[in-house]
N, C-alpha and C. Protein backbone atom coordinates (compact mmCIF):
# COMPACT_ATOMS: atom_id res chain seq x y z
N MET A 1 25.58 13.23 6.23
CA MET A 1 24.81 12.13 6.81
C MET A 1 25.75 10.98 7.11
N ALA A 2 25.57 10.39 8.27
CA ALA A 2 26.41 9.27 8.67
C ALA A 2 26.16 8.07 7.76
N LYS A 3 27.18 7.24 7.63
CA LYS A 3 27.09 6.09 6.74
C LYS A 3 25.94 5.16 7.10
N GLY A 4 25.73 4.92 8.41
CA GLY A 4 24.64 4.05 8.86
C GLY A 4 23.28 4.60 8.51
N GLN A 5 23.15 5.94 8.59
CA GLN A 5 21.87 6.57 8.24
C GLN A 5 21.57 6.37 6.77
N ALA A 6 22.59 6.56 5.92
CA ALA A 6 22.41 6.39 4.48
C ALA A 6 22.07 4.94 4.18
N GLY A 7 22.72 4.00 4.89
CA GLY A 7 22.45 2.59 4.68
C GLY A 7 21.04 2.21 5.08
N SER A 8 20.57 2.73 6.21
CA SER A 8 19.21 2.45 6.67
C SER A 8 18.18 3.02 5.71
N ARG A 9 18.43 4.23 5.25
CA ARG A 9 17.50 4.85 4.31
C ARG A 9 17.46 4.08 3.01
N ALA A 10 18.62 3.65 2.52
CA ALA A 10 18.68 2.88 1.27
C ALA A 10 17.93 1.55 1.41
N LYS A 11 18.10 0.89 2.56
CA LYS A 11 17.39 -0.38 2.79
C LYS A 11 15.88 -0.15 2.78
N LEU A 12 15.44 0.92 3.44
CA LEU A 12 14.01 1.22 3.48
C LEU A 12 13.50 1.57 2.08
N ARG A 13 14.26 2.38 1.34
CA ARG A 13 13.85 2.76 -0.02
C ARG A 13 13.66 1.52 -0.88
N MET A 14 14.65 0.61 -0.83
CA MET A 14 14.56 -0.63 -1.63
C MET A 14 13.36 -1.46 -1.21
N HIS A 15 13.08 -1.52 0.09
CA HIS A 15 11.95 -2.32 0.58
C HIS A 15 10.62 -1.72 0.12
N PHE A 16 10.49 -0.40 0.23
CA PHE A 16 9.26 0.25 -0.23
C PHE A 16 9.08 0.03 -1.73
N LEU A 17 10.15 0.20 -2.51
CA LEU A 17 10.05 0.05 -3.96
C LEU A 17 9.75 -1.39 -4.37
N ALA A 18 10.19 -2.34 -3.57
CA ALA A 18 9.90 -3.75 -3.85
C ALA A 18 8.48 -4.12 -3.43
N ASN A 19 7.82 -3.24 -2.67
CA ASN A 19 6.48 -3.54 -2.16
C ASN A 19 5.49 -2.43 -2.48
N ILE A 20 5.57 -1.87 -3.68
CA ILE A 20 4.65 -0.80 -4.09
C ILE A 20 3.22 -1.33 -4.04
N GLY A 21 2.35 -0.54 -3.40
CA GLY A 21 0.94 -0.91 -3.29
C GLY A 21 0.63 -1.84 -2.13
N LYS A 22 1.64 -2.27 -1.39
CA LYS A 22 1.44 -3.18 -0.25
C LYS A 22 1.57 -2.38 1.05
N VAL A 23 0.68 -2.62 1.99
CA VAL A 23 0.74 -1.95 3.29
C VAL A 23 1.86 -2.58 4.12
N LEU A 24 2.77 -1.74 4.60
CA LEU A 24 3.89 -2.19 5.43
C LEU A 24 3.66 -1.67 6.85
N ASN A 25 4.11 -2.43 7.86
CA ASN A 25 3.91 -1.96 9.23
C ASN A 25 5.22 -1.55 9.87
N SER A 26 5.11 -0.84 10.99
CA SER A 26 6.28 -0.27 11.65
C SER A 26 7.27 -1.33 12.13
N ASP A 27 6.79 -2.48 12.60
CA ASP A 27 7.71 -3.54 13.05
C ASP A 27 8.58 -4.03 11.90
N GLU A 28 7.95 -4.22 10.74
CA GLU A 28 8.67 -4.68 9.55
C GLU A 28 9.71 -3.63 9.13
N LEU A 29 9.33 -2.36 9.14
CA LEU A 29 10.24 -1.30 8.71
C LEU A 29 11.40 -1.13 9.69
N ARG A 30 11.13 -1.27 10.99
CA ARG A 30 12.19 -1.17 12.00
C ARG A 30 13.22 -2.28 11.76
N GLU A 31 12.73 -3.48 11.48
CA GLU A 31 13.63 -4.61 11.25
C GLU A 31 14.46 -4.41 9.98
N ILE A 32 13.83 -3.95 8.90
CA ILE A 32 14.53 -3.71 7.64
C ILE A 32 15.62 -2.65 7.82
N ALA A 33 15.28 -1.55 8.52
CA ALA A 33 16.22 -0.44 8.69
C ALA A 33 17.36 -0.82 9.62
N GLY A 34 17.07 -1.67 10.60
CA GLY A 34 18.12 -2.07 11.55
C GLY A 34 18.51 -0.94 12.49
N THR A 35 17.60 0.00 12.74
CA THR A 35 17.90 1.11 13.63
C THR A 35 16.63 1.55 14.33
N SER A 36 16.80 2.11 15.52
CA SER A 36 15.63 2.63 16.24
C SER A 36 15.13 3.92 15.60
N GLU A 37 15.92 4.52 14.73
CA GLU A 37 15.52 5.76 14.07
C GLU A 37 14.93 5.52 12.69
N TRP A 38 14.29 4.38 12.51
CA TRP A 38 13.70 4.03 11.22
C TRP A 38 12.65 5.05 10.79
N ALA A 39 11.88 5.59 11.73
CA ALA A 39 10.82 6.55 11.37
C ALA A 39 11.42 7.82 10.79
N ARG A 40 12.56 8.24 11.32
CA ARG A 40 13.24 9.42 10.78
C ARG A 40 13.68 9.14 9.33
N ARG A 41 14.19 7.94 9.07
CA ARG A 41 14.61 7.59 7.71
C ARG A 41 13.40 7.59 6.76
N VAL A 42 12.24 7.13 7.22
CA VAL A 42 11.02 7.17 6.39
C VAL A 42 10.65 8.62 6.09
N ARG A 43 10.73 9.49 7.12
CA ARG A 43 10.44 10.92 6.88
C ARG A 43 11.40 11.50 5.87
N GLU A 44 12.67 11.10 5.93
CA GLU A 44 13.65 11.60 4.96
C GLU A 44 13.30 11.14 3.55
N LEU A 45 12.86 9.90 3.41
CA LEU A 45 12.43 9.42 2.09
C LEU A 45 11.28 10.27 1.57
N ARG A 46 10.37 10.64 2.45
CA ARG A 46 9.23 11.47 2.06
C ARG A 46 9.66 12.91 1.80
N ASP A 47 10.32 13.52 2.79
CA ASP A 47 10.60 14.95 2.73
C ASP A 47 11.76 15.33 1.82
N GLU A 48 12.81 14.53 1.83
CA GLU A 48 14.01 14.88 1.07
C GLU A 48 14.06 14.22 -0.30
N GLU A 49 13.49 13.04 -0.43
CA GLU A 49 13.54 12.35 -1.72
C GLU A 49 12.22 12.40 -2.47
N GLY A 50 11.15 12.80 -1.78
CA GLY A 50 9.86 13.02 -2.45
C GLY A 50 9.00 11.79 -2.65
N TYR A 51 9.34 10.67 -2.02
CA TYR A 51 8.49 9.48 -2.15
C TYR A 51 7.19 9.71 -1.39
N GLN A 52 6.08 9.43 -2.02
CA GLN A 52 4.76 9.65 -1.44
C GLN A 52 4.36 8.45 -0.59
N ILE A 53 4.96 8.36 0.58
CA ILE A 53 4.69 7.27 1.52
C ILE A 53 3.50 7.71 2.37
N LEU A 54 2.38 7.01 2.22
CA LEU A 54 1.14 7.39 2.86
C LEU A 54 1.01 6.75 4.24
N THR A 55 0.30 7.46 5.15
CA THR A 55 0.02 6.96 6.49
C THR A 55 -1.46 7.15 6.78
N HIS A 56 -1.86 6.90 8.01
CA HIS A 56 -3.26 7.09 8.42
C HIS A 56 -3.69 8.55 8.29
N HIS A 57 -2.74 9.47 8.23
CA HIS A 57 -3.07 10.88 8.02
C HIS A 57 -3.55 11.12 6.59
N ASP A 58 -3.14 10.25 5.67
CA ASP A 58 -3.45 10.41 4.25
C ASP A 58 -4.61 9.54 3.78
N ARG A 59 -4.78 8.37 4.41
CA ARG A 59 -5.82 7.42 4.00
C ARG A 59 -6.52 6.89 5.24
N SER A 60 -7.84 6.95 5.23
CA SER A 60 -8.61 6.51 6.40
C SER A 60 -8.53 5.01 6.61
N ASN A 61 -8.22 4.25 5.57
CA ASN A 61 -8.17 2.80 5.71
C ASN A 61 -6.82 2.30 6.23
N LEU A 62 -5.85 3.20 6.42
CA LEU A 62 -4.57 2.81 7.02
C LEU A 62 -4.64 3.04 8.52
N LYS A 63 -4.11 2.09 9.28
CA LYS A 63 -4.08 2.21 10.73
C LYS A 63 -2.78 2.92 11.14
N VAL A 64 -2.74 3.39 12.38
CA VAL A 64 -1.52 3.98 12.91
C VAL A 64 -0.42 2.92 12.82
N GLY A 65 0.74 3.30 12.31
CA GLY A 65 1.85 2.36 12.16
C GLY A 65 1.86 1.61 10.84
N GLU A 66 0.96 1.97 9.93
CA GLU A 66 0.94 1.35 8.60
C GLU A 66 1.37 2.40 7.56
N TYR A 67 2.13 1.93 6.57
CA TYR A 67 2.70 2.79 5.54
C TYR A 67 2.43 2.18 4.17
N LEU A 68 2.25 3.05 3.18
CA LEU A 68 1.94 2.58 1.83
C LEU A 68 2.61 3.48 0.80
N LEU A 69 3.38 2.88 -0.10
CA LEU A 69 3.94 3.61 -1.23
C LEU A 69 3.15 3.17 -2.46
N GLU A 70 2.46 4.11 -3.10
CA GLU A 70 1.60 3.76 -4.23
C GLU A 70 2.32 3.81 -5.57
N THR A 71 3.39 4.62 -5.66
CA THR A 71 4.09 4.76 -6.93
C THR A 71 5.59 4.93 -6.69
N ASP A 72 6.38 4.52 -7.67
CA ASP A 72 7.83 4.67 -7.55
C ASP A 72 8.30 6.03 -8.05
N LYS A 73 7.38 6.87 -8.48
CA LYS A 73 7.72 8.20 -9.01
C LYS A 73 7.72 9.22 -7.87
N PRO A 74 8.90 9.70 -7.46
CA PRO A 74 8.93 10.71 -6.40
C PRO A 74 8.41 12.06 -6.89
N GLN A 75 7.83 12.81 -5.98
CA GLN A 75 7.39 14.18 -6.25
C GLN A 75 8.56 15.11 -5.94
N PRO A 76 8.48 16.37 -6.38
CA PRO A 76 9.55 17.30 -6.00
C PRO A 76 9.67 17.34 -4.47
N ALA A 77 10.88 17.34 -3.98
CA ALA A 77 11.13 17.31 -2.55
C ALA A 77 11.96 18.52 -2.15
N PHE A 78 12.06 18.75 -0.86
CA PHE A 78 12.90 19.84 -0.40
C PHE A 78 14.05 19.26 0.41
N SER A 79 15.15 19.95 0.37
CA SER A 79 16.31 19.48 1.13
C SER A 79 16.31 20.16 2.50
N ARG A 80 17.10 19.61 3.37
CA ARG A 80 17.22 20.24 4.68
C ARG A 80 17.78 21.63 4.50
N GLY A 81 17.14 22.60 5.11
CA GLY A 81 17.55 23.99 4.94
C GLY A 81 18.46 24.50 6.04
N ILE A 82 18.75 23.70 7.04
CA ILE A 82 19.54 24.16 8.18
C ILE A 82 20.98 23.72 7.99
N SER A 83 21.86 24.68 7.89
CA SER A 83 23.28 24.39 7.64
C SER A 83 23.94 23.82 8.90
N LYS A 84 25.11 23.21 8.71
CA LYS A 84 25.87 22.69 9.85
C LYS A 84 26.24 23.81 10.80
N GLU A 85 26.56 24.96 10.23
CA GLU A 85 26.96 26.11 11.05
C GLU A 85 25.80 26.59 11.92
N THR A 86 24.60 26.65 11.32
CA THR A 86 23.42 27.09 12.08
C THR A 86 23.09 26.08 13.17
N ARG A 87 23.18 24.79 12.84
CA ARG A 87 22.92 23.75 13.83
C ARG A 87 23.89 23.90 15.01
N ALA A 88 25.17 24.08 14.71
CA ALA A 88 26.18 24.22 15.76
C ALA A 88 25.90 25.46 16.61
N TYR A 89 25.52 26.56 15.96
CA TYR A 89 25.22 27.79 16.68
C TYR A 89 24.05 27.60 17.64
N VAL A 90 22.97 26.99 17.17
CA VAL A 90 21.77 26.80 17.99
C VAL A 90 22.06 25.86 19.16
N LEU A 91 22.77 24.77 18.90
CA LEU A 91 23.11 23.84 19.98
C LEU A 91 23.96 24.53 21.04
N ASP A 92 24.96 25.31 20.60
CA ASP A 92 25.82 26.03 21.54
C ASP A 92 25.01 27.08 22.30
N ARG A 93 24.18 27.84 21.60
CA ARG A 93 23.36 28.88 22.23
C ARG A 93 22.45 28.27 23.30
N ASN A 94 21.93 27.07 23.03
CA ASN A 94 21.02 26.41 23.97
C ASN A 94 21.76 25.53 24.98
N GLY A 95 23.07 25.65 25.03
CA GLY A 95 23.86 24.93 26.03
C GLY A 95 23.79 23.42 25.89
N PHE A 96 23.59 22.93 24.66
CA PHE A 96 23.49 21.50 24.39
C PHE A 96 22.47 20.84 25.34
N THR A 97 21.36 21.55 25.53
CA THR A 97 20.30 21.12 26.44
C THR A 97 18.96 21.21 25.72
N CYS A 98 18.12 20.20 25.90
CA CYS A 98 16.78 20.21 25.30
C CYS A 98 16.00 21.37 25.90
N GLN A 99 15.43 22.18 25.04
CA GLN A 99 14.70 23.36 25.49
C GLN A 99 13.28 23.04 25.94
N MET A 100 12.88 21.77 25.87
CA MET A 100 11.55 21.39 26.36
C MET A 100 11.63 20.68 27.71
N CYS A 101 12.57 19.75 27.86
CA CYS A 101 12.60 18.96 29.11
C CYS A 101 13.87 19.17 29.92
N GLY A 102 14.89 19.82 29.34
CA GLY A 102 16.11 20.09 30.08
C GLY A 102 17.16 19.00 30.01
N ALA A 103 16.92 17.93 29.26
CA ALA A 103 17.89 16.84 29.14
C ALA A 103 19.16 17.36 28.46
N VAL A 104 20.31 16.88 28.93
CA VAL A 104 21.60 17.34 28.42
C VAL A 104 22.17 16.30 27.45
N ALA A 105 22.71 16.77 26.33
CA ALA A 105 23.26 15.88 25.31
C ALA A 105 24.29 14.94 25.89
N GLY A 106 24.17 13.64 25.55
CA GLY A 106 25.14 12.64 25.95
C GLY A 106 24.89 12.02 27.31
N GLU A 107 24.08 12.65 28.15
CA GLU A 107 23.78 12.10 29.47
C GLU A 107 22.55 11.19 29.38
N PRO A 108 22.37 10.29 30.36
CA PRO A 108 21.15 9.48 30.34
C PRO A 108 19.92 10.39 30.32
N HIS A 109 18.92 10.01 29.52
CA HIS A 109 17.75 10.87 29.37
C HIS A 109 16.90 10.85 30.64
N THR A 110 16.33 12.00 30.95
CA THR A 110 15.51 12.18 32.14
C THR A 110 14.37 11.17 32.21
N TYR A 111 13.71 10.89 31.07
CA TYR A 111 12.54 10.02 31.06
C TYR A 111 12.87 8.57 30.72
N ASP A 112 14.06 8.32 30.19
CA ASP A 112 14.44 6.96 29.82
C ASP A 112 15.93 6.80 30.11
N GLN A 113 16.26 6.36 31.30
CA GLN A 113 17.64 6.27 31.76
C GLN A 113 18.48 5.28 30.95
N THR A 114 17.83 4.43 30.14
CA THR A 114 18.58 3.46 29.35
C THR A 114 19.15 4.08 28.07
N LYS A 115 18.69 5.28 27.72
CA LYS A 115 19.15 5.93 26.49
C LYS A 115 19.91 7.21 26.82
N LYS A 116 20.95 7.46 26.04
CA LYS A 116 21.65 8.74 26.17
C LYS A 116 20.87 9.78 25.37
N THR A 117 20.87 10.99 25.88
CA THR A 117 20.13 12.08 25.24
C THR A 117 20.79 12.45 23.92
N ARG A 118 19.99 12.49 22.88
CA ARG A 118 20.45 12.90 21.56
C ARG A 118 19.64 14.13 21.16
N LEU A 119 20.34 15.20 20.81
CA LEU A 119 19.66 16.45 20.47
C LEU A 119 19.48 16.63 18.98
N HIS A 120 18.39 17.29 18.63
CA HIS A 120 18.07 17.64 17.26
C HIS A 120 17.78 19.14 17.23
N ILE A 121 17.58 19.68 16.06
CA ILE A 121 17.17 21.07 15.93
C ILE A 121 15.69 21.06 15.56
N GLY A 122 14.90 21.80 16.32
CA GLY A 122 13.46 21.86 16.07
C GLY A 122 13.02 23.29 15.80
N HIS A 123 11.96 23.42 15.04
CA HIS A 123 11.39 24.74 14.76
C HIS A 123 10.44 25.13 15.89
N ILE A 124 10.49 26.38 16.31
CA ILE A 124 9.55 26.89 17.30
C ILE A 124 8.19 27.07 16.63
N ILE A 125 8.19 27.77 15.49
CA ILE A 125 6.99 27.85 14.65
C ILE A 125 7.28 26.96 13.45
N ASP A 126 6.50 25.91 13.27
CA ASP A 126 6.73 24.92 12.23
C ASP A 126 6.74 25.57 10.84
N LYS A 127 7.54 25.00 9.95
CA LYS A 127 7.62 25.54 8.59
C LYS A 127 6.27 25.49 7.89
N SER A 128 5.45 24.49 8.21
CA SER A 128 4.13 24.38 7.59
C SER A 128 3.21 25.52 8.03
N MET A 129 3.60 26.20 9.12
CA MET A 129 2.79 27.31 9.62
C MET A 129 3.49 28.65 9.37
N GLY A 130 4.47 28.65 8.47
CA GLY A 130 5.14 29.88 8.10
C GLY A 130 6.46 30.14 8.81
N GLY A 131 6.91 29.22 9.65
CA GLY A 131 8.18 29.39 10.34
C GLY A 131 9.36 29.29 9.38
N THR A 132 10.49 29.83 9.79
CA THR A 132 11.67 29.85 8.93
C THR A 132 12.79 29.02 9.56
N ASP A 133 13.90 28.91 8.82
CA ASP A 133 15.09 28.22 9.32
C ASP A 133 16.05 29.20 9.99
N ASP A 134 15.58 30.41 10.29
CA ASP A 134 16.40 31.41 10.96
C ASP A 134 16.70 30.93 12.38
N PRO A 135 17.92 31.13 12.89
CA PRO A 135 18.25 30.66 14.24
C PRO A 135 17.28 31.13 15.32
N SER A 136 16.65 32.30 15.13
CA SER A 136 15.70 32.78 16.15
C SER A 136 14.44 31.92 16.21
N ASN A 137 14.20 31.10 15.19
CA ASN A 137 13.04 30.21 15.16
C ASN A 137 13.44 28.75 15.42
N LEU A 138 14.66 28.54 15.85
CA LEU A 138 15.16 27.18 16.06
C LEU A 138 15.55 26.98 17.52
N ARG A 139 15.46 25.72 17.97
CA ARG A 139 15.87 25.39 19.33
C ARG A 139 16.38 23.96 19.37
N ALA A 140 17.21 23.68 20.38
CA ALA A 140 17.67 22.31 20.61
C ALA A 140 16.53 21.54 21.25
N ILE A 141 16.32 20.32 20.78
CA ILE A 141 15.24 19.48 21.30
C ILE A 141 15.70 18.02 21.25
N CYS A 142 15.44 17.29 22.33
CA CYS A 142 15.90 15.90 22.39
C CYS A 142 14.98 14.98 21.57
N SER A 143 15.45 13.76 21.33
CA SER A 143 14.68 12.79 20.54
C SER A 143 13.31 12.52 21.15
N VAL A 144 13.25 12.38 22.47
CA VAL A 144 11.99 12.07 23.14
C VAL A 144 10.99 13.20 22.92
N CYS A 145 11.42 14.43 23.16
CA CYS A 145 10.51 15.58 22.97
C CYS A 145 10.21 15.81 21.50
N ASN A 146 11.20 15.56 20.63
CA ASN A 146 11.01 15.75 19.20
C ASN A 146 9.91 14.83 18.67
N GLU A 147 9.88 13.58 19.17
CA GLU A 147 8.83 12.65 18.75
C GLU A 147 7.46 13.13 19.20
N GLY A 148 7.40 13.74 20.40
CA GLY A 148 6.13 14.22 20.92
C GLY A 148 5.77 15.61 20.46
N ALA A 149 6.74 16.35 19.89
CA ALA A 149 6.49 17.75 19.51
C ALA A 149 5.38 17.87 18.48
N SER A 150 5.28 16.90 17.59
CA SER A 150 4.23 16.99 16.58
C SER A 150 2.85 16.85 17.22
N ASN A 151 2.79 16.29 18.43
CA ASN A 151 1.52 16.15 19.12
C ASN A 151 1.18 17.38 19.97
N VAL A 152 2.14 18.32 20.08
CA VAL A 152 1.94 19.49 20.92
C VAL A 152 1.78 20.72 20.02
N THR A 153 1.05 20.59 18.97
CA THR A 153 0.81 21.70 18.07
C THR A 153 -0.46 22.43 18.52
N LEU A 154 -0.90 23.35 17.71
CA LEU A 154 -2.11 24.09 18.05
C LEU A 154 -3.28 23.13 18.24
N PRO A 155 -4.22 23.50 19.13
CA PRO A 155 -5.37 22.62 19.32
C PRO A 155 -6.17 22.49 18.02
N ARG A 156 -6.77 21.35 17.85
CA ARG A 156 -7.57 21.12 16.64
C ARG A 156 -8.80 22.01 16.66
N PRO A 157 -9.11 22.60 15.51
CA PRO A 157 -10.31 23.45 15.48
C PRO A 157 -11.56 22.58 15.55
N ASP A 158 -12.60 23.13 16.18
CA ASP A 158 -13.86 22.39 16.19
C ASP A 158 -14.50 22.52 14.81
N LEU A 159 -15.56 21.78 14.58
CA LEU A 159 -16.19 21.73 13.26
C LEU A 159 -16.61 23.12 12.79
N GLN A 160 -17.20 23.91 13.67
CA GLN A 160 -17.68 25.24 13.30
C GLN A 160 -16.53 26.11 12.78
N LYS A 161 -15.41 26.14 13.52
CA LYS A 161 -14.27 26.96 13.10
C LYS A 161 -13.66 26.44 11.80
N LEU A 162 -13.62 25.14 11.67
CA LEU A 162 -13.08 24.54 10.46
C LEU A 162 -13.92 24.90 9.24
N LEU A 163 -15.24 24.81 9.38
CA LEU A 163 -16.13 25.17 8.27
C LEU A 163 -15.99 26.65 7.90
N ILE A 164 -15.83 27.50 8.89
CA ILE A 164 -15.63 28.93 8.62
C ILE A 164 -14.37 29.12 7.78
N GLN A 165 -13.29 28.43 8.14
CA GLN A 165 -12.03 28.56 7.40
C GLN A 165 -12.18 28.04 5.97
N VAL A 166 -12.89 26.95 5.81
CA VAL A 166 -13.09 26.39 4.46
C VAL A 166 -13.91 27.36 3.61
N ARG A 167 -14.95 27.93 4.21
CA ARG A 167 -15.79 28.87 3.46
C ARG A 167 -15.00 30.12 3.05
N ARG A 168 -14.02 30.51 3.86
CA ARG A 168 -13.22 31.70 3.55
C ARG A 168 -12.17 31.42 2.48
N ALA A 169 -11.85 30.17 2.26
CA ALA A 169 -10.80 29.79 1.30
C ALA A 169 -11.28 30.06 -0.13
N THR A 170 -10.32 30.17 -1.05
CA THR A 170 -10.66 30.37 -2.46
C THR A 170 -11.30 29.11 -3.01
N ASN A 171 -12.00 29.24 -4.13
CA ASN A 171 -12.61 28.07 -4.77
C ASN A 171 -11.54 27.03 -5.11
N GLY A 172 -10.39 27.49 -5.58
CA GLY A 172 -9.30 26.57 -5.93
C GLY A 172 -8.82 25.78 -4.72
N ASP A 173 -8.66 26.47 -3.58
CA ASP A 173 -8.24 25.78 -2.36
C ASP A 173 -9.31 24.83 -1.86
N GLN A 174 -10.59 25.22 -2.00
CA GLN A 174 -11.68 24.33 -1.60
C GLN A 174 -11.69 23.07 -2.45
N LEU A 175 -11.43 23.22 -3.76
CA LEU A 175 -11.37 22.04 -4.63
C LEU A 175 -10.20 21.13 -4.27
N GLU A 176 -9.05 21.72 -3.94
CA GLU A 176 -7.90 20.91 -3.53
C GLU A 176 -8.21 20.16 -2.24
N LEU A 177 -8.91 20.83 -1.32
CA LEU A 177 -9.32 20.17 -0.08
C LEU A 177 -10.26 19.01 -0.37
N LEU A 178 -11.21 19.23 -1.28
CA LEU A 178 -12.14 18.16 -1.65
C LEU A 178 -11.39 16.97 -2.25
N LYS A 179 -10.43 17.24 -3.14
CA LYS A 179 -9.63 16.14 -3.73
C LYS A 179 -8.92 15.35 -2.64
N TRP A 180 -8.33 16.09 -1.69
CA TRP A 180 -7.60 15.43 -0.61
C TRP A 180 -8.54 14.59 0.24
N LEU A 181 -9.71 15.12 0.57
CA LEU A 181 -10.68 14.38 1.38
C LEU A 181 -11.17 13.12 0.65
N LEU A 182 -11.40 13.23 -0.66
CA LEU A 182 -11.84 12.05 -1.42
C LEU A 182 -10.75 10.99 -1.49
N GLN A 183 -9.48 11.44 -1.50
CA GLN A 183 -8.37 10.47 -1.47
C GLN A 183 -8.28 9.82 -0.09
N LYS A 184 -8.46 10.62 0.96
CA LYS A 184 -8.34 10.08 2.31
C LYS A 184 -9.51 9.14 2.63
N PHE A 185 -10.70 9.47 2.15
CA PHE A 185 -11.89 8.67 2.44
C PHE A 185 -12.50 8.14 1.15
N PRO A 186 -11.79 7.26 0.42
CA PRO A 186 -12.31 6.80 -0.88
C PRO A 186 -13.64 6.04 -0.77
N GLU A 187 -13.86 5.35 0.35
CA GLU A 187 -15.10 4.60 0.50
C GLU A 187 -16.30 5.53 0.61
N GLN A 188 -16.10 6.74 1.06
CA GLN A 188 -17.20 7.70 1.17
C GLN A 188 -17.65 8.21 -0.19
N SER A 189 -16.74 8.36 -1.12
CA SER A 189 -17.11 8.86 -2.45
C SER A 189 -17.92 7.82 -3.22
N LYS A 190 -17.76 6.55 -2.88
CA LYS A 190 -18.51 5.48 -3.54
C LYS A 190 -19.94 5.41 -3.03
N ASN A 191 -20.16 5.87 -1.80
CA ASN A 191 -21.49 5.80 -1.18
C ASN A 191 -22.44 6.87 -1.69
N LYS A 192 -21.93 7.88 -2.32
CA LYS A 192 -22.80 9.02 -2.74
C LYS A 192 -23.35 8.82 -4.11
């Protein structure tokens, strides 16, 4: 990891730990990190260090762009599973070109001429859906497409399909889902 990345992550970690239980917004975090890649550093704190930084996906009372660290106790985390060698192989195999939009590394980006294209390694089938870190499941993807890739996942199931899946789940999984829903919508549990 580059020195600046470690510095930005450390600044964000210290800021979150100094503001446990306080809602922080994206403008504040961008300023603290001192980098346009502040969101990536927040993901690293969550994914690699295990800090439970909550967003609107986790709590209904948080708005888009709001973040909350409730405890200073990190959960078990996972490290990046893609080696430098695999990254180099995938980038070379893909011709140092984004496999979604065709932008070439180091050149001005197709959609934003003010920025040079920066490539990342992305999963074709996301790890959360059973994908692996095998090179056959990896592709070069630019920063612009990488930010939007999470929005180009499978279509959301309608209520009927979702209920069918919940009914098919084990009792244990249904209880875990209920716990998660009660955490996400705490005001709803008080109304019942």
